[in-house]
Amino acid sequence: MPPFDQHLPEVSALPHSRSRHLPPYRGIVAVDAKDFTGYPAIEHGLISRAIPQLLQQSFERADLADVWEDRRFPASTGDGYVFGFEPAWMPFLIHPWLHTLQEVLSEFNVHSMGTVSIRLRVSLHIGPLPDSGGEFDGNGTPRNDTHRLLDSRPVKAMLAASNASITQVAAILSDRCHQDAVAGGYTGRHPDHFIEVPATVEGKRFDQRAWLYVPAPSGNLYDRRILGDHVVDDQEAGRESADAEKQAPGGRKARRAPQTLVTQRADRGNLNSGTVHGGQSVTNTGGGDYVGGNKAGTVHGNQGDTVHGDKNEHGR
């Protein structure tokens, strides 16, 4: 019997039992082809081979050939592809790479004469992952979340709702990726190009804040089925606020009065919140003022206080 020459993996310590170094942080990119299983089985191999070729072409055209050459733990998923990279490159994958990928796929789909059309969902994430050059590198929660984002409802719905002749790429960014690269100002795209969505996966315990980005948008991006009800409600509230600040006829922006609580007091005097008939007189009676006159209706006569004598006379 031949000896078993492979060593068993070292037993790792239980989680939370002792402190260890974090694995290196990696950017993770994963892509998936839309409707892959809808093609005849004979075409699956063609699509599986074409995807990494198209990715390589897009990275080279975007002047990011080094990212492709240095990719970590690359793997084909049959209907897609995934690999890790140095996270410092993340802003460049968001832009210009996603836009360049859109161009490369548009050209491919035109030249394929409709026989095979490849449209891709893309997910981008950042996190600590083992990367020592081993066979099982790249496995961990950040990679799992990258695939969950790729399978989430918003990015699938976005690609399905868009025009197949225009939109070839729909991307979803993890909140970590968006905060670091987009909100931090490192990406050549304004934050308003990105749409916040609740990323959920049917049948999976996954619910995270994420951000959609579509390099060539088409169709209805403002859709409750895609964005989720609470996101739409927040955006509608923002629209109402913007409408209230539209320019007035004089060219100045109409400002809404601030909503503040108003308390009215009239110490030793009169407080009118309507119209007054007749004059009002105030007589100091020591403990307070006596007010005479009708305080409803149209104002006739003296609207101020008529004081008989020194108001402080009885208080002396």
Protein backbone atom coordinates (compact mmCIF):
# COMPACT_ATOMS: atom_id res chain seq x y z
CA MET A 1 0.00 0.00 0.00
CA PRO A 2 1.63 3.29 -1.07
CA PRO A 3 2.40 5.65 1.77
CA PHE A 4 0.16 8.69 2.13
CA ASP A 5 2.61 11.52 1.55
CA GLN A 6 0.29 14.48 2.10
CA HIS A 7 0.36 16.07 5.54
CA LEU A 8 -2.81 16.84 7.37
CA PRO A 9 -3.44 20.55 7.89
CA GLU A 10 -2.28 21.99 11.16
CA VAL A 11 -5.01 22.20 13.73
CA SER A 12 -5.87 25.83 14.29
CA ALA A 13 -6.83 27.24 17.65
CA LEU A 14 -10.49 27.72 18.41
CA PRO A 15 -11.90 31.16 17.59
CA HIS A 16 -11.62 33.66 20.43
CA SER A 17 -9.18 31.40 22.32
CA ARG A 18 -6.01 33.39 21.63
CA SER A 19 -4.90 36.40 19.59
CA ARG A 20 -3.37 35.96 16.16
CA HIS A 21 -2.32 38.18 13.27
CA LEU A 22 -5.04 39.16 10.84
CA PRO A 23 -4.64 37.78 7.30
CA PRO A 24 -3.64 40.40 4.72
CA TYR A 25 -6.41 42.61 3.43
CA ARG A 26 -7.40 41.95 -0.15
CA GLY A 27 -9.76 43.48 -2.62
CA ILE A 28 -12.11 40.85 -4.05
CA VAL A 29 -13.86 41.03 -7.41
CA ALA A 30 -16.39 38.46 -8.58
CA VAL A 31 -18.43 38.35 -11.78
CA ASP A 32 -21.40 36.27 -12.86
CA ALA A 33 -23.01 35.90 -16.28
CA LYS A 34 -26.71 36.69 -16.52
CA ASP A 35 -28.95 33.76 -17.58
CA PHE A 36 -26.03 31.35 -17.87
CA THR A 37 -28.25 28.29 -17.29
CA GLY A 38 -30.68 29.57 -19.92
CA TYR A 39 -28.16 28.81 -22.69
CA PRO A 40 -27.93 25.33 -24.20
CA ALA A 41 -25.38 23.15 -22.43
CA ILE A 42 -23.21 23.06 -25.53
CA GLU A 43 -22.53 26.80 -25.11
CA HIS A 44 -21.62 26.70 -21.40
CA GLY A 45 -17.98 25.86 -22.09
CA LEU A 46 -17.71 28.72 -24.58
CA ILE A 47 -19.07 31.23 -22.07
CA SER A 48 -16.88 29.90 -19.25
CA ARG A 49 -13.76 30.36 -21.41
CA ALA A 50 -14.84 33.74 -22.76
CA ILE A 51 -15.39 35.39 -19.38
CA PRO A 52 -11.74 35.41 -18.17
CA GLN A 53 -10.62 36.39 -21.68
CA LEU A 54 -12.98 39.37 -21.65
CA LEU A 55 -11.85 40.30 -18.15
CA GLN A 56 -8.21 40.23 -19.19
CA GLN A 57 -8.95 42.39 -22.23
CA SER A 58 -10.84 44.92 -20.10
CA PHE A 59 -8.04 45.19 -17.53
CA GLU A 60 -5.45 45.71 -20.24
CA ARG A 61 -7.54 48.35 -22.00
CA ALA A 62 -8.07 50.19 -18.70
CA ASP A 63 -4.28 50.30 -18.14
CA LEU A 64 -4.66 47.86 -15.25
CA ALA A 65 -2.80 44.91 -16.73
CA ASP A 66 -0.74 44.62 -13.54
CA VAL A 67 -3.87 43.90 -11.52
CA TRP A 68 -4.73 41.00 -13.82
CA GLU A 69 -1.19 39.65 -13.88
CA ASP A 70 -0.86 39.82 -10.08
CA ARG A 71 -4.32 38.43 -9.23
CA ARG A 72 -4.53 36.26 -6.13
CA PHE A 73 -6.38 32.93 -5.65
CA PRO A 74 -8.14 33.17 -9.06
CA ALA A 75 -10.93 30.70 -9.72
CA SER A 76 -13.54 30.04 -12.36
CA THR A 77 -17.06 29.48 -11.06
CA GLY A 78 -18.41 28.12 -14.33
CA ASP A 79 -20.71 31.03 -14.99
CA GLY A 80 -18.26 33.56 -13.59
CA TYR A 81 -14.84 34.32 -12.16
CA VAL A 82 -13.35 35.55 -8.87
CA PHE A 83 -9.93 36.71 -7.69
CA GLY A 84 -8.22 38.85 -5.09
CA PHE A 85 -5.95 41.85 -5.56
CA GLU A 86 -4.12 44.52 -3.61
CA PRO A 87 -6.83 46.77 -2.12
CA ALA A 88 -4.91 49.92 -3.11
CA TRP A 89 -6.20 49.27 -6.64
CA MET A 90 -9.87 49.29 -5.61
CA PRO A 91 -10.60 52.92 -6.69
CA PHE A 92 -9.34 52.07 -10.20
CA LEU A 93 -11.52 48.97 -10.46
CA ILE A 94 -14.55 51.07 -9.66
CA HIS A 95 -13.47 53.58 -12.27
CA PRO A 96 -12.34 53.27 -15.01
CA TRP A 97 -12.37 49.45 -15.06
CA LEU A 98 -16.14 48.94 -14.72
CA HIS A 99 -16.74 51.44 -17.51
CA THR A 100 -14.13 49.73 -19.69
CA LEU A 101 -15.69 46.32 -19.00
CA GLN A 102 -19.01 47.75 -20.21
CA GLU A 103 -17.33 48.81 -23.47
CA VAL A 104 -15.59 45.45 -23.99
CA LEU A 105 -18.82 43.50 -23.45
CA SER A 106 -20.76 45.82 -25.77
CA GLU A 107 -18.25 45.16 -28.54
CA PHE A 108 -18.26 41.41 -27.92
CA ASN A 109 -22.06 41.20 -27.97
CA VAL A 110 -22.29 43.14 -31.22
CA HIS A 111 -19.69 40.98 -32.95
CA SER A 112 -21.19 37.75 -31.63
CA MET A 113 -24.20 38.43 -33.91
CA GLY A 114 -26.59 37.50 -31.10
CA THR A 115 -25.49 33.86 -30.84
CA VAL A 116 -24.03 34.34 -27.33
CA SER A 117 -24.58 37.54 -25.37
CA ILE A 118 -22.64 37.97 -22.16
CA ARG A 119 -23.89 40.48 -19.61
CA LEU A 120 -22.18 40.53 -16.23
CA ARG A 121 -23.01 41.27 -12.63
CA VAL A 122 -19.96 42.43 -10.69
CA SER A 123 -19.40 42.60 -6.93
CA LEU A 124 -16.53 44.37 -5.16
CA HIS A 125 -15.49 43.96 -1.54
CA ILE A 126 -12.51 44.39 0.81
CA GLY A 127 -11.49 42.24 3.74
CA PRO A 128 -8.86 40.01 5.41
CA LEU A 129 -8.28 36.71 3.60
CA PRO A 130 -5.55 34.05 3.83
CA ASP A 131 -3.05 34.56 1.00
CA SER A 132 0.10 32.51 1.46
CA GLY A 133 0.16 30.95 -2.00
CA GLY A 134 -1.63 27.80 -0.83
CA GLU A 135 -4.29 25.85 -2.67
CA PHE A 136 -7.09 26.91 -0.35
CA ASP A 137 -6.21 30.59 -0.03
CA GLY A 138 -8.87 33.24 -0.33
CA ASN A 139 -11.52 31.46 1.73
CA GLY A 140 -13.23 33.43 4.45
CA THR A 141 -16.17 35.64 5.32
CA PRO A 142 -15.20 38.53 2.98
CA ARG A 143 -15.17 36.17 0.00
CA ASN A 144 -18.47 34.61 1.05
CA ASP A 145 -20.01 38.07 1.33
CA THR A 146 -18.66 38.98 -2.12
CA HIS A 147 -20.59 36.07 -3.63
CA ARG A 148 -23.69 36.90 -1.59
CA LEU A 149 -23.58 40.45 -2.94
CA LEU A 150 -23.28 39.04 -6.45
CA ASP A 151 -26.40 36.93 -5.90
CA SER A 152 -28.37 39.66 -4.10
CA ARG A 153 -31.73 40.85 -5.31
CA PRO A 154 -30.85 44.48 -6.18
CA VAL A 155 -28.03 43.78 -8.66
CA LYS A 156 -29.95 40.92 -10.29
CA ALA A 157 -33.06 43.07 -10.62
CA MET A 158 -31.04 45.98 -11.97
CA LEU A 159 -29.57 43.96 -14.81
CA ALA A 160 -32.91 42.30 -15.56
CA ALA A 161 -34.77 45.64 -15.66
CA SER A 162 -32.25 47.35 -17.94
CA ASN A 163 -32.07 47.35 -21.73
CA ALA A 164 -29.97 44.43 -22.98
CA SER A 165 -28.74 46.52 -25.91
CA ILE A 166 -27.38 49.24 -23.62
CA THR A 167 -26.52 47.95 -20.16
CA GLN A 168 -23.99 45.11 -20.11
CA VAL A 169 -22.65 45.60 -16.55
CA ALA A 170 -24.34 46.12 -13.21
CA ALA A 171 -22.01 46.36 -10.21
CA ILE A 172 -22.65 46.18 -6.48
CA LEU A 173 -20.16 47.48 -3.91
CA SER A 174 -20.04 46.47 -0.28
CA ASP A 175 -20.53 49.31 2.17
CA ARG A 176 -16.91 48.90 3.29
CA CYS A 177 -15.72 49.24 -0.30
CA HIS A 178 -17.93 52.28 -0.89
CA GLN A 179 -16.90 54.04 2.32
CA ASP A 180 -13.18 53.50 1.73
CA ALA A 181 -12.94 54.17 -2.01
CA VAL A 182 -15.96 56.30 -2.99
CA ALA A 183 -17.01 58.28 0.08
CA GLY A 184 -13.33 58.75 0.89
CA GLY A 185 -12.90 60.58 -2.41
CA TYR A 186 -10.35 58.20 -3.97
CA THR A 187 -12.50 57.09 -6.92
CA GLY A 188 -13.00 59.15 -10.07
CA ARG A 189 -16.77 58.93 -9.73
CA HIS A 190 -18.99 61.24 -7.69
CA PRO A 191 -20.92 59.55 -4.85
CA ASP A 192 -24.18 60.49 -6.61
CA HIS A 193 -23.37 57.90 -9.28
CA PHE A 194 -24.03 55.22 -6.65
CA ILE A 195 -27.39 54.11 -5.29
CA GLU A 196 -27.76 52.72 -1.78
CA VAL A 197 -29.63 49.41 -1.60
CA PRO A 198 -30.42 46.73 0.98
CA ALA A 199 -28.63 43.62 -0.34
CA THR A 200 -30.61 40.47 0.47
CA VAL A 201 -30.37 36.96 -0.94
CA GLU A 202 -33.43 34.75 -1.18
CA GLY A 203 -33.12 31.74 1.11
CA LYS A 204 -29.93 33.04 2.76
CA ARG A 205 -29.37 34.84 6.06
CA PHE A 206 -27.79 37.83 4.42
CA ASP A 207 -28.85 41.46 4.68
CA GLN A 208 -26.28 44.20 4.22
CA ARG A 209 -26.12 47.80 3.13
CA ALA A 210 -24.60 48.01 -0.35
CA TRP A 211 -24.28 50.37 -3.33
CA LEU A 212 -25.27 49.88 -6.96
CA TYR A 213 -23.27 51.35 -9.81
CA VAL A 214 -24.24 51.02 -13.49
CA PRO A 215 -21.70 52.41 -15.99
CA ALA A 216 -24.31 52.61 -18.80
CA PRO A 217 -27.73 52.91 -17.15
CA SER A 218 -31.01 52.25 -18.93
CA GLY A 219 -34.57 51.55 -17.88
CA ASN A 220 -36.04 52.55 -14.53
CA LEU A 221 -33.35 52.79 -11.87
CA TYR A 222 -35.80 54.31 -9.37
CA ASP A 223 -37.75 51.12 -8.69
CA ARG A 224 -39.00 49.78 -5.35
CA ARG A 225 -38.33 46.22 -6.52
CA ILE A 226 -34.66 47.11 -6.91
CA LEU A 227 -33.97 49.67 -4.22
CA GLY A 228 -36.25 48.44 -1.45
CA ASP A 229 -39.13 50.39 0.06
CA HIS A 230 -37.22 52.23 2.80
CA VAL A 231 -34.59 53.45 0.35
CA VAL A 232 -37.28 54.76 -2.01
CA ASP A 233 -39.07 56.48 0.87
CA ASP A 234 -35.84 58.18 1.93
CA GLN A 235 -35.18 59.36 -1.62
CA GLU A 236 -38.75 60.64 -2.01
CA ALA A 237 -38.35 62.63 1.21
CA GLY A 238 -35.17 64.09 -0.25
CA ARG A 239 -37.01 65.05 -3.43
CA GLU A 240 -39.73 66.84 -1.46
CA SER A 241 -37.07 68.78 0.41
CA ALA A 242 -35.39 69.71 -2.87
CA ASP A 243 -38.73 70.79 -4.40
CA ALA A 244 -39.32 73.11 -1.45
CA GLU A 245 -36.08 74.91 -2.26
CA LYS A 246 -36.81 75.53 -5.93
CA GLN A 247 -36.25 79.08 -7.09
CA ALA A 248 -39.05 81.56 -6.42
CA PRO A 249 -40.28 83.97 -9.18
CA GLY A 250 -37.89 86.67 -7.94
CA GLY A 251 -34.94 84.39 -8.57
CA ARG A 252 -34.31 83.66 -4.91
CA LYS A 253 -34.64 80.20 -3.42
CA ALA A 254 -37.75 79.74 -1.39
CA ARG A 255 -36.78 78.78 2.10
CA ARG A 256 -38.97 76.77 4.35
CA ALA A 257 -39.51 78.20 7.79
CA PRO A 258 -37.74 76.17 10.42
CA GLN A 259 -40.05 73.97 12.45
CA THR A 260 -39.69 75.24 16.00
CA LEU A 261 -41.90 75.15 19.04
CA VAL A 262 -43.31 78.61 19.82
CA THR A 263 -44.39 79.54 23.35
CA GLN A 264 -46.28 82.82 23.88
CA ARG A 265 -46.35 84.62 27.18
CA ALA A 266 -47.65 88.01 28.38
CA ASP A 267 -46.54 88.67 31.91
CA ARG A 268 -48.66 91.46 33.38
CA GLY A 269 -50.01 92.37 29.94
CA ASN A 270 -52.33 91.33 27.10
CA LEU A 271 -51.75 88.49 24.68
CA ASN A 272 -53.98 88.54 21.58
CA SER A 273 -54.06 85.64 19.13
CA GLY A 274 -56.99 86.84 17.08
CA THR A 275 -58.90 90.03 16.31
CA VAL A 276 -60.14 92.45 18.98
CA HIS A 277 -63.32 94.53 19.27
CA GLY A 278 -62.98 97.65 21.31
CA GLY A 279 -60.11 98.92 23.41
CA GLN A 280 -58.33 96.97 26.10
CA SER A 281 -57.58 98.37 29.49
CA VAL A 282 -55.22 97.00 32.08
CA THR A 283 -55.67 97.67 35.74
CA ASN A 284 -53.06 96.34 38.13
CA THR A 285 -54.80 94.65 41.03
CA GLY A 286 -51.75 93.66 42.94
CA GLY A 287 -51.85 89.96 42.05
CA GLY A 288 -52.19 90.53 38.30
CA ASP A 289 -53.76 92.62 35.54
CA TYR A 290 -57.48 92.81 34.87
CA VAL A 291 -58.22 92.95 31.15
CA GLY A 292 -61.41 94.45 29.84
CA GLY A 293 -62.73 94.31 26.29
CA ASN A 294 -63.82 91.76 23.72
CA LYS A 295 -60.88 89.79 22.20
CA ALA A 296 -62.64 88.24 19.20
CA GLY A 297 -63.59 89.69 15.85
CA THR A 298 -62.30 92.70 13.96
CA VAL A 299 -60.14 95.23 15.75
CA HIS A 300 -61.83 98.55 16.42
CA GLY A 301 -60.31 101.25 18.51
CA ASN A 302 -57.16 101.12 20.58
CA GLN A 303 -55.14 97.93 20.05
CA GLY A 304 -52.60 98.76 22.72
CA ASP A 305 -52.92 98.74 26.49
CA THR A 306 -54.72 101.63 28.17
CA VAL A 307 -53.37 101.95 31.67
CA HIS A 308 -55.35 103.73 34.37
CA GLY A 309 -52.95 105.05 36.95
CA ASP A 310 -49.54 103.75 37.76
CA LYS A 311 -49.40 100.04 37.05
CA ASN A 312 -47.09 99.67 39.97
CA GLU A 313 -49.05 101.91 42.28
CA HIS A 314 -50.84 99.19 44.21
CA GLY A 315 -47.70 97.16 44.43
CA ARG A 316 -45.86 99.84 46.41
